[in-house]
Every structure is written in structure tokens, then in C-alpha cells.
PDB file of all heavy atoms in Angstrom:
ATOM      1  N   GLU A   1      74.948 -24.726-120.230  1.00  0.00           N
ATOM      2  CA  GLU A   1      74.930 -24.690-118.757  1.00  0.00           C
ATOM      3  C   GLU A   1      75.224 -23.236-118.227  1.00  0.00           C
ATOM      4  O   GLU A   1      74.587 -22.860-117.244  1.00  0.00           O
ATOM      5  CB  GLU A   1      75.835 -25.683-118.141  1.00  0.00           C
ATOM      6  CG  GLU A   1      75.754 -25.779-116.669  1.00  0.00           C
ATOM      7  CD  GLU A   1      76.421 -27.007-116.077  1.00  0.00           C
ATOM      8  OE1 GLU A   1      76.593 -28.019-116.751  1.00  0.00           O
ATOM      9  OE2 GLU A   1      76.838 -26.880-114.918  1.00  0.00           O
ATOM     10  N   LEU A   2      76.054 -22.528-118.959  1.00  0.00           N
ATOM     11  CA  LEU A   2      76.395 -21.188-118.501  1.00  0.00           C
ATOM     12  C   LEU A   2      75.554 -20.100-119.165  1.00  0.00           C
ATOM     13  O   LEU A   2      75.674 -18.921-118.724  1.00  0.00           O
ATOM     14  CB  LEU A   2      77.838 -20.935-118.776  1.00  0.00           C
ATOM     15  CG  LEU A   2      78.899 -21.749-118.002  1.00  0.00           C
ATOM     16  CD1 LEU A   2      80.324 -21.454-118.521  1.00  0.00           C
ATOM     17  CD2 LEU A   2      78.829 -21.512-116.526  1.00  0.00           C
ATOM     18  N   GLY A   3      74.803 -20.456-120.153  1.00  0.00           N
ATOM     19  CA  GLY A   3      73.980 -19.437-120.823  1.00  0.00           C
ATOM     20  C   GLY A   3      74.798 -18.516-121.688  1.00  0.00           C
ATOM     21  O   GLY A   3      74.497 -17.325-121.799  1.00  0.00           O
ATOM     22  N   VAL A   4      75.797 -19.060-122.302  1.00  0.00           N
ATOM     23  CA  VAL A   4      76.654 -18.264-123.233  1.00  0.00           C
ATOM     24  C   VAL A   4      76.694 -19.000-124.581  1.00  0.00           C
ATOM     25  O   VAL A   4      76.156 -20.104-124.668  1.00  0.00           O
ATOM     26  CB  VAL A   4      78.147 -18.062-122.718  1.00  0.00           C
ATOM     27  CG1 VAL A   4      78.087 -17.359-121.347  1.00  0.00           C
ATOM     28  CG2 VAL A   4      78.799 -19.423-122.530  1.00  0.00           C
ATOM     29  N   SER A   5      77.291 -18.429-125.620  1.00  0.00           N
ATOM     30  CA  SER A   5      77.283 -19.002-126.895  1.00  0.00           C
ATOM     31  C   SER A   5      78.455 -20.095-126.971  1.00  0.00           C
ATOM     32  O   SER A   5      79.403 -19.981-126.187  1.00  0.00           O
ATOM     33  CB  SER A   5      77.512 -17.945-127.971  1.00  0.00           C
ATOM     34  OG  SER A   5      78.839 -17.427-127.857  1.00  0.00           O
ATOM     35  N   THR A   6      78.334 -20.954-127.910  1.00  0.00           N
ATOM     36  CA  THR A   6      79.432 -21.913-128.157  1.00  0.00           C
ATOM     37  C   THR A   6      80.651 -21.178-128.637  1.00  0.00           C
ATOM     38  O   THR A   6      81.759 -21.609-128.297  1.00  0.00           O
ATOM     39  CB  THR A   6      79.003 -22.993-129.170  1.00  0.00           C
ATOM     40  OG1 THR A   6      78.584 -22.363-130.384  1.00  0.00           O
ATOM     41  CG2 THR A   6      77.904 -23.868-128.648  1.00  0.00           C
ATOM     42  N   THR A   7      80.459 -20.030-129.300  1.00  0.00           N
ATOM     43  CA  THR A   7      81.576 -19.236-129.766  1.00  0.00           C
ATOM     44  C   THR A   7      82.381 -18.678-128.559  1.00  0.00           C
ATOM     45  O   THR A   7      83.652 -18.728-128.587  1.00  0.00           O
ATOM     46  CB  THR A   7      81.156 -18.113-130.691  1.00  0.00           C
ATOM     47  OG1 THR A   7      80.440 -18.606-131.835  1.00  0.00           O
ATOM     48  CG2 THR A   7      82.291 -17.241-131.128  1.00  0.00           C
ATOM     49  N   THR A   8      81.659 -18.258-127.613  1.00  0.00           N
ATOM     50  CA  THR A   8      82.328 -17.772-126.379  1.00  0.00           C
ATOM     51  C   THR A   8      83.178 -18.855-125.688  1.00  0.00           C
ATOM     52  O   THR A   8      84.349 -18.669-125.328  1.00  0.00           O
ATOM     53  CB  THR A   8      81.321 -17.199-125.348  1.00  0.00           C
ATOM     54  OG1 THR A   8      80.676 -16.087-125.914  1.00  0.00           O
ATOM     55  CG2 THR A   8      81.958 -16.817-124.028  1.00  0.00           C
ATOM     56  N   VAL A   9      82.606 -20.000-125.559  1.00  0.00           N
ATOM     57  CA  VAL A   9      83.297 -21.190-124.924  1.00  0.00           C
ATOM     58  C   VAL A   9      84.580 -21.537-125.766  1.00  0.00           C
ATOM     59  O   VAL A   9      85.658 -21.684-125.274  1.00  0.00           O
ATOM     60  CB  VAL A   9      82.399 -22.395-124.770  1.00  0.00           C
ATOM     61  CG1 VAL A   9      83.197 -23.575-124.213  1.00  0.00           C
ATOM     62  CG2 VAL A   9      81.251 -22.042-123.807  1.00  0.00           C
ATOM     63  N   SER A  10      84.420 -21.615-127.122  1.00  0.00           N
ATOM     64  CA  SER A  10      85.496 -21.919-127.982  1.00  0.00           C
ATOM     65  C   SER A  10      86.600 -20.860-127.880  1.00  0.00           C
ATOM     66  O   SER A  10      87.802 -21.201-127.813  1.00  0.00           O
ATOM     67  CB  SER A  10      84.987 -21.993-129.433  1.00  0.00           C
ATOM     68  OG  SER A  10      86.062 -22.313-130.241  1.00  0.00           O
ATOM     69  N   ASN A  11      86.205 -19.612-127.861  1.00  0.00           N
ATOM     70  CA  ASN A  11      87.181 -18.513-127.751  1.00  0.00           C
ATOM     71  C   ASN A  11      87.981 -18.605-126.434  1.00  0.00           C
ATOM     72  O   ASN A  11      89.209 -18.381-126.451  1.00  0.00           O
ATOM     73  CB  ASN A  11      86.555 -17.191-127.905  1.00  0.00           C
ATOM     74  CG  ASN A  11      86.182 -16.832-129.308  1.00  0.00           C
ATOM     75  OD1 ASN A  11      86.756 -17.412-130.283  1.00  0.00           O
ATOM     76  ND2 ASN A  11      85.274 -15.941-129.526  1.00  0.00           N
ATOM     77  N   VAL A  12      87.293 -18.922-125.326  1.00  0.00           N
ATOM     78  CA  VAL A  12      88.026 -19.088-124.047  1.00  0.00           C
ATOM     79  C   VAL A  12      89.029 -20.245-124.160  1.00  0.00           C
ATOM     80  O   VAL A  12      90.156 -20.145-123.764  1.00  0.00           O
ATOM     81  CB  VAL A  12      86.978 -19.277-122.910  1.00  0.00           C
ATOM     82  CG1 VAL A  12      87.784 -19.711-121.654  1.00  0.00           C
ATOM     83  CG2 VAL A  12      86.202 -18.058-122.654  1.00  0.00           C
ATOM     84  N   ILE A  13      88.587 -21.326-124.754  1.00  0.00           N
ATOM     85  CA  ILE A  13      89.414 -22.558-124.892  1.00  0.00           C
ATOM     86  C   ILE A  13      90.770 -22.201-125.666  1.00  0.00           C
ATOM     87  O   ILE A  13      91.790 -22.614-125.322  1.00  0.00           O
ATOM     88  CB  ILE A  13      88.732 -23.713-125.590  1.00  0.00           C
ATOM     89  CG1 ILE A  13      87.625 -24.228-124.628  1.00  0.00           C
ATOM     90  CG2 ILE A  13      89.628 -24.830-126.020  1.00  0.00           C
ATOM     91  CD1 ILE A  13      86.694 -25.198-125.274  1.00  0.00           C
ATOM     92  N   HIS A  14      90.535 -21.342-126.715  1.00  0.00           N
ATOM     93  CA  HIS A  14      91.685 -21.028-127.602  1.00  0.00           C
ATOM     94  C   HIS A  14      92.383 -19.713-127.196  1.00  0.00           C
ATOM     95  O   HIS A  14      93.212 -19.272-127.924  1.00  0.00           O
ATOM     96  CB  HIS A  14      91.155 -20.936-129.036  1.00  0.00           C
ATOM     97  CG  HIS A  14      90.782 -22.223-129.561  1.00  0.00           C
ATOM     98  ND1 HIS A  14      89.414 -22.663-129.604  1.00  0.00           N
ATOM     99  CD2 HIS A  14      91.424 -23.348-129.992  1.00  0.00           C
ATOM    100  CE1 HIS A  14      89.331 -23.850-130.095  1.00  0.00           C
ATOM    101  NE2 HIS A  14      90.554 -24.308-130.364  1.00  0.00           N
ATOM    102  N   GLY A  15      92.012 -19.148-126.014  1.00  0.00           N
ATOM    103  CA  GLY A  15      92.738 -17.995-125.467  1.00  0.00           C
ATOM    104  C   GLY A  15      92.385 -16.723-126.130  1.00  0.00           C
ATOM    105  O   GLY A  15      93.104 -15.712-126.013  1.00  0.00           O
ATOM    106  N   LYS A  16      91.313 -16.680-126.928  1.00  0.00           N
ATOM    107  CA  LYS A  16      90.858 -15.444-127.570  1.00  0.00           C
ATOM    108  C   LYS A  16      89.850 -14.684-126.731  1.00  0.00           C
ATOM    109  O   LYS A  16      88.606 -14.742-127.004  1.00  0.00           O
ATOM    110  CB  LYS A  16      90.322 -15.779-128.975  1.00  0.00           C
ATOM    111  CG  LYS A  16      91.255 -16.491-129.873  1.00  0.00           C
ATOM    112  CD  LYS A  16      90.578 -16.859-131.175  1.00  0.00           C
ATOM    113  CE  LYS A  16      91.590 -17.605-132.082  1.00  0.00           C
ATOM    114  NZ  LYS A  16      90.976 -18.031-133.373  1.00  0.00           N
ATOM    115  N   THR A  17      90.286 -14.130-125.662  1.00  0.00           N
ATOM    116  CA  THR A  17      89.413 -13.610-124.609  1.00  0.00           C
ATOM    117  C   THR A  17      89.389 -12.035-124.589  1.00  0.00           C
ATOM    118  O   THR A  17      88.826 -11.515-123.609  1.00  0.00           O
ATOM    119  CB  THR A  17      89.753 -14.121-123.263  1.00  0.00           C
ATOM    120  OG1 THR A  17      91.199 -13.814-122.966  1.00  0.00           O
ATOM    121  CG2 THR A  17      89.677 -15.626-123.232  1.00  0.00           C
ATOM    122  N   LYS A  18      89.975 -11.353-125.551  1.00  0.00           N
ATOM    123  CA  LYS A  18      89.956  -9.886-125.526  1.00  0.00           C
ATOM    124  C   LYS A  18      88.602  -9.290-125.395  1.00  0.00           C
ATOM    125  O   LYS A  18      88.440  -8.323-124.680  1.00  0.00           O
ATOM    126  CB  LYS A  18      90.623  -9.394-126.841  1.00  0.00           C
ATOM    127  CG  LYS A  18      91.951  -8.866-126.726  1.00  0.00           C
ATOM    128  CD  LYS A  18      92.456  -8.291-128.084  1.00  0.00           C
ATOM    129  CE  LYS A  18      93.682  -7.469-127.845  1.00  0.00           C
ATOM    130  NZ  LYS A  18      94.329  -7.001-129.129  1.00  0.00           N
ATOM    131  N   LYS A  19      87.634  -9.873-126.057  1.00  0.00           N
ATOM    132  CA  LYS A  19      86.243  -9.281-126.100  1.00  0.00           C
ATOM    133  C   LYS A  19      85.267  -9.949-125.086  1.00  0.00           C
ATOM    134  O   LYS A  19      84.098  -9.678-125.171  1.00  0.00           O
ATOM    135  CB  LYS A  19      85.687  -9.380-127.496  1.00  0.00           C
ATOM    136  CG  LYS A  19      86.464  -8.570-128.514  1.00  0.00           C
ATOM    137  CD  LYS A  19      85.847  -8.660-129.943  1.00  0.00           C
ATOM    138  CE  LYS A  19      86.704  -7.840-130.883  1.00  0.00           C
ATOM    139  NZ  LYS A  19      86.095  -7.958-132.201  1.00  0.00           N
ATOM    140  N   ILE A  20      85.839 -10.731-124.231  1.00  0.00           N
ATOM    141  CA  ILE A  20      85.001 -11.432-123.258  1.00  0.00           C
ATOM    142  C   ILE A  20      85.336 -10.939-121.867  1.00  0.00           C
ATOM    143  O   ILE A  20      86.508 -10.788-121.511  1.00  0.00           O
ATOM    144  CB  ILE A  20      85.276 -13.026-123.340  1.00  0.00           C
ATOM    145  CG1 ILE A  20      85.018 -13.479-124.727  1.00  0.00           C
ATOM    146  CG2 ILE A  20      84.311 -13.726-122.373  1.00  0.00           C
ATOM    147  CD1 ILE A  20      85.448 -14.911-124.951  1.00  0.00           C
ATOM    148  N   SER A  21      84.296 -10.751-121.026  1.00  0.00           N
ATOM    149  CA  SER A  21      84.547 -10.138-119.727  1.00  0.00           C
ATOM    150  C   SER A  21      85.343 -11.188-118.899  1.00  0.00           C
ATOM    151  O   SER A  21      85.269 -12.455-119.104  1.00  0.00           O
ATOM    152  CB  SER A  21      83.249  -9.914-118.996  1.00  0.00           C
ATOM    153  OG  SER A  21      82.586 -11.090-118.639  1.00  0.00           O
ATOM    154  N   ASP A  22      86.191 -10.653-117.947  1.00  0.00           N
ATOM    155  CA  ASP A  22      86.963 -11.521-117.068  1.00  0.00           C
ATOM    156  C   ASP A  22      86.089 -12.470-116.331  1.00  0.00           C
ATOM    157  O   ASP A  22      86.462 -13.667-116.096  1.00  0.00           O
ATOM    158  CB  ASP A  22      87.769 -10.683-116.117  1.00  0.00           C
ATOM    159  CG  ASP A  22      88.855  -9.910-116.789  1.00  0.00           C
ATOM    160  OD1 ASP A  22      89.285 -10.268-117.927  1.00  0.00           O
ATOM    161  OD2 ASP A  22      89.357  -8.896-116.225  1.00  0.00           O
ATOM    162  N   GLU A  23      84.944 -12.011-115.899  1.00  0.00           N
ATOM    163  CA  GLU A  23      83.989 -12.889-115.071  1.00  0.00           C
ATOM    164  C   GLU A  23      83.528 -14.062-116.023  1.00  0.00           C
ATOM    165  O   GLU A  23      83.506 -15.244-115.480  1.00  0.00           O
ATOM    166  CB  GLU A  23      82.825 -12.058-114.639  1.00  0.00           C
ATOM    167  CG  GLU A  23      81.781 -12.874-113.900  1.00  0.00           C
ATOM    168  CD  GLU A  23      80.602 -12.096-113.497  1.00  0.00           C
ATOM    169  OE1 GLU A  23      80.629 -10.834-113.396  1.00  0.00           O
ATOM    170  OE2 GLU A  23      79.494 -12.771-113.280  1.00  0.00           O
ATOM    171  N   THR A  24      83.209 -13.797-117.247  1.00  0.00           N
ATOM    172  CA  THR A  24      82.735 -14.897-118.071  1.00  0.00           C
ATOM    173  C   THR A  24      83.859 -15.870-118.360  1.00  0.00           C
ATOM    174  O   THR A  24      83.631 -17.075-118.299  1.00  0.00           O
ATOM    175  CB  THR A  24      82.205 -14.355-119.404  1.00  0.00           C
ATOM    176  OG1 THR A  24      81.053 -13.503-119.050  1.00  0.00           O
ATOM    177  CG2 THR A  24      81.731 -15.457-120.358  1.00  0.00           C
ATOM    178  N   VAL A  25      85.062 -15.406-118.576  1.00  0.00           N
ATOM    179  CA  VAL A  25      86.191 -16.261-118.830  1.00  0.00           C
ATOM    180  C   VAL A  25      86.488 -17.170-117.646  1.00  0.00           C
ATOM    181  O   VAL A  25      86.604 -18.335-117.761  1.00  0.00           O
ATOM    182  CB  VAL A  25      87.525 -15.428-119.094  1.00  0.00           C
ATOM    183  CG1 VAL A  25      88.759 -16.316-119.140  1.00  0.00           C
ATOM    184  CG2 VAL A  25      87.375 -14.649-120.410  1.00  0.00           C
ATOM    185  N   LYS A  26      86.379 -16.596-116.410  1.00  0.00           N
ATOM    186  CA  LYS A  26      86.569 -17.379-115.172  1.00  0.00           C
ATOM    187  C   LYS A  26      85.505 -18.474-115.044  1.00  0.00           C
ATOM    188  O   LYS A  26      85.774 -19.568-114.670  1.00  0.00           O
ATOM    189  CB  LYS A  26      86.645 -16.483-113.985  1.00  0.00           C
ATOM    190  CG  LYS A  26      87.853 -15.623-113.900  1.00  0.00           C
ATOM    191  CD  LYS A  26      87.830 -14.691-112.685  1.00  0.00           C
ATOM    192  CE  LYS A  26      89.039 -13.775-112.785  1.00  0.00           C
ATOM    193  NZ  LYS A  26      88.927 -12.719-111.681  1.00  0.00           N
ATOM    194  N   ARG A  27      84.230 -18.089-115.385  1.00  0.00           N
ATOM    195  CA  ARG A  27      83.135 -19.035-115.266  1.00  0.00           C
ATOM    196  C   ARG A  27      83.301 -20.177-116.230  1.00  0.00           C
ATOM    197  O   ARG A  27      83.120 -21.347-115.855  1.00  0.00           O
ATOM    198  CB  ARG A  27      81.783 -18.320-115.480  1.00  0.00           C
ATOM    199  CG  ARG A  27      81.357 -17.402-114.350  1.00  0.00           C
ATOM    200  CD  ARG A  27      80.077 -16.583-114.757  1.00  0.00           C
ATOM    201  NE  ARG A  27      79.023 -17.438-115.190  1.00  0.00           N
ATOM    202  CZ  ARG A  27      78.200 -17.237-116.185  1.00  0.00           C
ATOM    203  NH1 ARG A  27      78.297 -16.147-116.887  1.00  0.00           N
ATOM    204  NH2 ARG A  27      77.237 -18.027-116.502  1.00  0.00           N
ATOM    205  N   VAL A  28      83.647 -19.853-117.457  1.00  0.00           N
ATOM    206  CA  VAL A  28      83.850 -20.903-118.482  1.00  0.00           C
ATOM    207  C   VAL A  28      85.014 -21.762-118.097  1.00  0.00           C
ATOM    208  O   VAL A  28      84.933 -23.008-118.119  1.00  0.00           O
ATOM    209  CB  VAL A  28      84.123 -20.310-119.891  1.00  0.00           C
ATOM    210  CG1 VAL A  28      84.538 -21.329-120.823  1.00  0.00           C
ATOM    211  CG2 VAL A  28      82.841 -19.561-120.387  1.00  0.00           C
ATOM    212  N   GLN A  29      86.132 -21.223-117.675  1.00  0.00           N
ATOM    213  CA  GLN A  29      87.330 -21.990-117.340  1.00  0.00           C
ATOM    214  C   GLN A  29      87.028 -22.881-116.146  1.00  0.00           C
ATOM    215  O   GLN A  29      87.418 -24.068-116.101  1.00  0.00           O
ATOM    216  CB  GLN A  29      88.482 -21.108-116.974  1.00  0.00           C
ATOM    217  CG  GLN A  29      89.113 -20.420-118.204  1.00  0.00           C
ATOM    218  CD  GLN A  29      90.107 -19.370-117.848  1.00  0.00           C
ATOM    219  OE1 GLN A  29      90.183 -18.765-116.769  1.00  0.00           O
ATOM    220  NE2 GLN A  29      91.072 -19.154-118.784  1.00  0.00           N
ATOM    221  N   ALA A  30      86.309 -22.377-115.162  1.00  0.00           N
ATOM    222  CA  ALA A  30      85.943 -23.200-113.982  1.00  0.00           C
ATOM    223  C   ALA A  30      85.140 -24.411-114.399  1.00  0.00           C
ATOM    224  O   ALA A  30      85.334 -25.530-113.887  1.00  0.00           O
ATOM    225  CB  ALA A  30      85.229 -22.306-112.936  1.00  0.00           C
ATOM    226  N   LEU A  31      84.078 -24.137-115.234  1.00  0.00           N
ATOM    227  CA  LEU A  31      83.219 -25.273-115.628  1.00  0.00           C
ATOM    228  C   LEU A  31      83.956 -26.292-116.504  1.00  0.00           C
ATOM    229  O   LEU A  31      83.695 -27.499-116.425  1.00  0.00           O
ATOM    230  CB  LEU A  31      81.938 -24.765-116.327  1.00  0.00           C
ATOM    231  CG  LEU A  31      80.833 -25.796-116.524  1.00  0.00           C
ATOM    232  CD1 LEU A  31      80.414 -26.403-115.138  1.00  0.00           C
ATOM    233  CD2 LEU A  31      79.638 -25.207-117.208  1.00  0.00           C
ATOM    234  N   LEU A  32      84.848 -25.805-117.384  1.00  0.00           N
ATOM    235  CA  LEU A  32      85.683 -26.715-118.139  1.00  0.00           C
ATOM    236  C   LEU A  32      86.483 -27.581-117.297  1.00  0.00           C
ATOM    237  O   LEU A  32      86.567 -28.848-117.546  1.00  0.00           O
ATOM    238  CB  LEU A  32      86.560 -25.910-119.122  1.00  0.00           C
ATOM    239  CG  LEU A  32      85.914 -25.233-120.320  1.00  0.00           C
ATOM    240  CD1 LEU A  32      86.908 -24.204-120.938  1.00  0.00           C
ATOM    241  CD2 LEU A  32      85.373 -26.189-121.340  1.00  0.00           C
ATOM    242  N   GLU A  33      87.044 -27.093-116.240  1.00  0.00           N
ATOM    243  CA  GLU A  33      87.827 -27.844-115.341  1.00  0.00           C
ATOM    244  C   GLU A  33      86.976 -28.855-114.542  1.00  0.00           C
ATOM    245  O   GLU A  33      87.296 -30.002-114.376  1.00  0.00           O
ATOM    246  CB  GLU A  33      88.639 -27.010-114.369  1.00  0.00           C
ATOM    247  CG  GLU A  33      89.817 -26.292-115.064  1.00  0.00           C
ATOM    248  CD  GLU A  33      90.578 -25.367-114.084  1.00  0.00           C
ATOM    249  OE1 GLU A  33      90.624 -25.752-112.889  1.00  0.00           O
ATOM    250  OE2 GLU A  33      91.114 -24.392-114.489  1.00  0.00           O
ATOM    251  N   GLU A  34      85.851 -28.334-114.088  1.00  0.00           N
ATOM    252  CA  GLU A  34      84.885 -29.117-113.215  1.00  0.00           C
ATOM    253  C   GLU A  34      84.417 -30.300-114.035  1.00  0.00           C
ATOM    254  O   GLU A  34      84.323 -31.438-113.486  1.00  0.00           O
ATOM    255  CB  GLU A  34      83.736 -28.256-112.812  1.00  0.00           C
ATOM    256  CG  GLU A  34      82.698 -29.008-111.956  1.00  0.00           C
ATOM    257  CD  GLU A  34      81.489 -28.187-111.681  1.00  0.00           C
ATOM    258  OE1 GLU A  34      81.630 -26.940-111.442  1.00  0.00           O
ATOM    259  OE2 GLU A  34      80.386 -28.661-111.717  1.00  0.00           O
ATOM    260  N   LYS A  35      84.062 -30.077-115.288  1.00  0.00           N
ATOM    261  CA  LYS A  35      83.545 -31.171-116.174  1.00  0.00           C
ATOM    262  C   LYS A  35      84.655 -32.006-116.818  1.00  0.00           C
ATOM    263  O   LYS A  35      84.298 -32.917-117.579  1.00  0.00           O
ATOM    264  CB  LYS A  35      82.645 -30.573-117.264  1.00  0.00           C
ATOM    265  CG  LYS A  35      81.448 -29.811-116.746  1.00  0.00           C
ATOM    266  CD  LYS A  35      80.410 -30.706-116.150  1.00  0.00           C
ATOM    267  CE  LYS A  35      79.219 -29.922-115.811  1.00  0.00           C
ATOM    268  NZ  LYS A  35      78.110 -30.794-115.274  1.00  0.00           N
ATOM    269  N   LYS A  36      85.893 -31.613-116.545  1.00  0.00           N
ATOM    270  CA  LYS A  36      87.017 -32.337-117.147  1.00  0.00           C
ATOM    271  C   LYS A  36      86.932 -32.388-118.691  1.00  0.00           C
ATOM    272  O   LYS A  36      87.054 -33.413-119.266  1.00  0.00           O
ATOM    273  CB  LYS A  36      87.163 -33.749-116.555  1.00  0.00           C
ATOM    274  CG  LYS A  36      87.443 -33.755-115.048  1.00  0.00           C
ATOM    275  CD  LYS A  36      87.537 -35.100-114.499  1.00  0.00           C
ATOM    276  CE  LYS A  36      87.982 -35.136-113.088  1.00  0.00           C
ATOM    277  NZ  LYS A  36      87.058 -34.541-112.142  1.00  0.00           N
ATOM    278  N   TYR A  37      86.749 -31.223-119.303  1.00  0.00           N
ATOM    279  CA  TYR A  37      86.616 -31.093-120.705  1.00  0.00           C
ATOM    280  C   TYR A  37      87.882 -31.490-121.410  1.00  0.00           C
ATOM    281  O   TYR A  37      88.987 -31.070-121.012  1.00  0.00           O
ATOM    282  CB  TYR A  37      86.283 -29.658-121.130  1.00  0.00           C
ATOM    283  CG  TYR A  37      86.327 -29.419-122.660  1.00  0.00           C
ATOM    284  CD1 TYR A  37      85.242 -29.866-123.453  1.00  0.00           C
ATOM    285  CD2 TYR A  37      87.407 -28.890-123.241  1.00  0.00           C
ATOM    286  CE1 TYR A  37      85.234 -29.725-124.769  1.00  0.00           C
ATOM    287  CE2 TYR A  37      87.390 -28.677-124.643  1.00  0.00           C
ATOM    288  CZ  TYR A  37      86.373 -29.074-125.373  1.00  0.00           C
ATOM    289  OH  TYR A  37      86.415 -28.948-126.728  1.00  0.00           O
ATOM    290  N   ILE A  38      87.813 -32.358-122.399  1.00  0.00           N
ATOM    291  CA  ILE A  38      88.924 -32.796-123.248  1.00  0.00           C
ATOM    292  C   ILE A  38      88.597 -32.466-124.664  1.00  0.00           C
ATOM    293  O   ILE A  38      87.637 -32.939-125.174  1.00  0.00           O
ATOM    294  CB  ILE A  38      89.217 -34.338-123.042  1.00  0.00           C
ATOM    295  CG1 ILE A  38      89.508 -34.647-121.584  1.00  0.00           C
ATOM    296  CG2 ILE A  38      90.361 -34.780-123.995  1.00  0.00           C
ATOM    297  CD1 ILE A  38      89.512 -36.209-121.311  1.00  0.00           C
ATOM    298  N   PRO A  39      89.511 -31.668-125.315  1.00  0.00           N
ATOM    299  CA  PRO A  39      89.228 -31.282-126.694  1.00  0.00           C
ATOM    300  C   PRO A  39      89.176 -32.555-127.598  1.00  0.00           C
ATOM    301  O   PRO A  39      89.910 -33.520-127.404  1.00  0.00           O
ATOM    302  CB  PRO A  39      90.398 -30.407-127.073  1.00  0.00           C
ATOM    303  CG  PRO A  39      91.017 -29.987-125.822  1.00  0.00           C
ATOM    304  CD  PRO A  39      90.717 -30.990-124.811  1.00  0.00           C
ATOM    305  N   ASN A  40      88.369 -32.520-128.593  1.00  0.00           N
ATOM    306  CA  ASN A  40      88.249 -33.602-129.592  1.00  0.00           C
ATOM    307  C   ASN A  40      89.387 -33.456-130.606  1.00  0.00           C
ATOM    308  O   ASN A  40      89.459 -32.484-131.355  1.00  0.00           O
ATOM    309  CB  ASN A  40      86.858 -33.467-130.294  1.00  0.00           C
ATOM    310  CG  ASN A  40      86.749 -34.596-131.342  1.00  0.00           C
ATOM    311  OD1 ASN A  40      87.700 -35.134-131.855  1.00  0.00           O
ATOM    312  ND2 ASN A  40      85.452 -34.868-131.708  1.00  0.00           N
ATOM    313  N   MET A  41      90.361 -34.333-130.529  1.00  0.00           N
ATOM    314  CA  MET A  41      91.540 -34.200-131.343  1.00  0.00           C
ATOM    315  C   MET A  41      91.217 -34.272-132.878  1.00  0.00           C
ATOM    316  O   MET A  41      91.835 -33.665-133.678  1.00  0.00           O
ATOM    317  CB  MET A  41      92.560 -35.259-130.994  1.00  0.00           C
ATOM    318  CG  MET A  41      93.165 -35.136-129.573  1.00  0.00           C
ATOM    319  SD  MET A  41      93.677 -33.496-129.199  1.00  0.00           S
ATOM    320  CE  MET A  41      95.185 -33.400-130.114  1.00  0.00           C
ATOM    321  N   ALA A  42      90.174 -35.011-133.256  1.00  0.00           N
ATOM    322  CA  ALA A  42      89.811 -35.039-134.628  1.00  0.00           C
ATOM    323  C   ALA A  42      89.354 -33.694-135.129  1.00  0.00           C
ATOM    324  O   ALA A  42      89.640 -33.343-136.266  1.00  0.00           O
ATOM    325  CB  ALA A  42      88.615 -36.099-134.810  1.00  0.00           C
ATOM    326  N   GLY A  43      88.680 -32.984-134.306  1.00  0.00           N
ATOM    327  CA  GLY A  43      88.247 -31.645-134.656  1.00  0.00           C
ATOM    328  C   GLY A  43      89.433 -30.649-134.759  1.00  0.00           C
ATOM    329  O   GLY A  43      89.441 -29.816-135.604  1.00  0.00           O
ATOM    330  N   ILE A  44      90.420 -30.824-133.884  1.00  0.00           N
ATOM    331  CA  ILE A  44      91.559 -29.957-133.916  1.00  0.00           C
ATOM    332  C   ILE A  44      92.388 -30.205-135.175  1.00  0.00           C
ATOM    333  O   ILE A  44      92.769 -29.269-135.870  1.00  0.00           O
ATOM    334  CB  ILE A  44      92.438 -30.142-132.702  1.00  0.00           C
ATOM    335  CG1 ILE A  44      91.744 -29.666-131.434  1.00  0.00           C
ATOM    336  CG2 ILE A  44      93.802 -29.494-132.868  1.00  0.00           C
ATOM    337  CD1 ILE A  44      92.385 -29.986-130.160  1.00  0.00           C
ATOM    338  N   HIS A  45      92.542 -31.465-135.535  1.00  0.00           N
ATOM    339  CA  HIS A  45      93.309 -31.812-136.724  1.00  0.00           C
ATOM    340  C   HIS A  45      92.570 -31.421-137.996  1.00  0.00           C
ATOM    341  O   HIS A  45      93.245 -31.172-139.032  1.00  0.00           O
ATOM    342  CB  HIS A  45      93.651 -33.309-136.721  1.00  0.00           C
ATOM    343  CG  HIS A  45      94.637 -33.643-135.649  1.00  0.00           C
ATOM    344  ND1 HIS A  45      95.865 -33.117-135.548  1.00  0.00           N
ATOM    345  CD2 HIS A  45      94.530 -34.525-134.613  1.00  0.00           C
ATOM    346  CE1 HIS A  45      96.549 -33.571-134.538  1.00  0.00           C
ATOM    347  NE2 HIS A  45      95.769 -34.427-133.953  1.00  0.00           N
TER     348      HIS A  45
END
């Protein structure tokens, strides 16, 4: 939806945003909240 890579979204979720522009981080965070993203606990474990 945002036209970014899955790696970018994953990095924002995990707080690894050093190499990602502030604007992109904000866009990803906003859409995660809007869509009510819930991490898959099976994947985390």
C-alpha cells in the first residue's frame, strides 16, 4: 500500500529506523495504526 519493501515495514516495527527517512517511518507507523496491525506471535516466537 505504501510502495515500500517488506524489510522497511519490518524494520519500522522493530525500531530499526536509522537508515529510513523520518517521513517514511511516520507513514508506516500511521498505516500500521490505521489498519490495527497485530504482530503474528508465532512468527515472533
